[in-house]
Amino acid sequence: MQDLELRVFGNIGQDAEIKHHNMYQIISFSVAANETWKDAAGQKHQRTTWIRCAMWRDQGQSTAIAEYLKRGQQVLVVGTPSVYAYLNQQAGKPDAQLQLKVTDLKLLGSKREEERQHVQHEPEPPAASDNDLPF
């Protein structure tokens, strides 16, 4: 039996955090996956699903990786999904959150880069490729 694999495209909600666990470090961050559609009347709607992501890496890799995982960064994450159930203190009722144990990560760009490209009409230097990253 093979594990279910989920691919998520979106923007990081806040800078990644590093947590320590034995010899490894856990890089945690959230990704906002946006879904847009038009209803029968032609009105546009959008729904955002927040997905909590965790990457397990050794101490040397985690610091280098976390430097690139900043708020607004566009990413494609691949991993094994799970659901975390908890009691929502504010609502006073059970709730759940989708989590992803990340097995692969691709940096795609950022909102800030897209905004600059719309404002500036001058050519920009080429972006770093995945081969330029230290992981």
Foldseek 3Di string as FASTA:
>chain_A
DDFDKDKAKFWWAAQWDWDDDPQKIKTKTKGWGKDWDADPVRDIDIDTAIEIEIEIDGPVPRVLVSVQRGGFWIKMFMFGKDKDWDQDPVVRGIDIHIYGHTPDMATDGGPVVVVVVVVDPDDDPDDDHPVPGPD
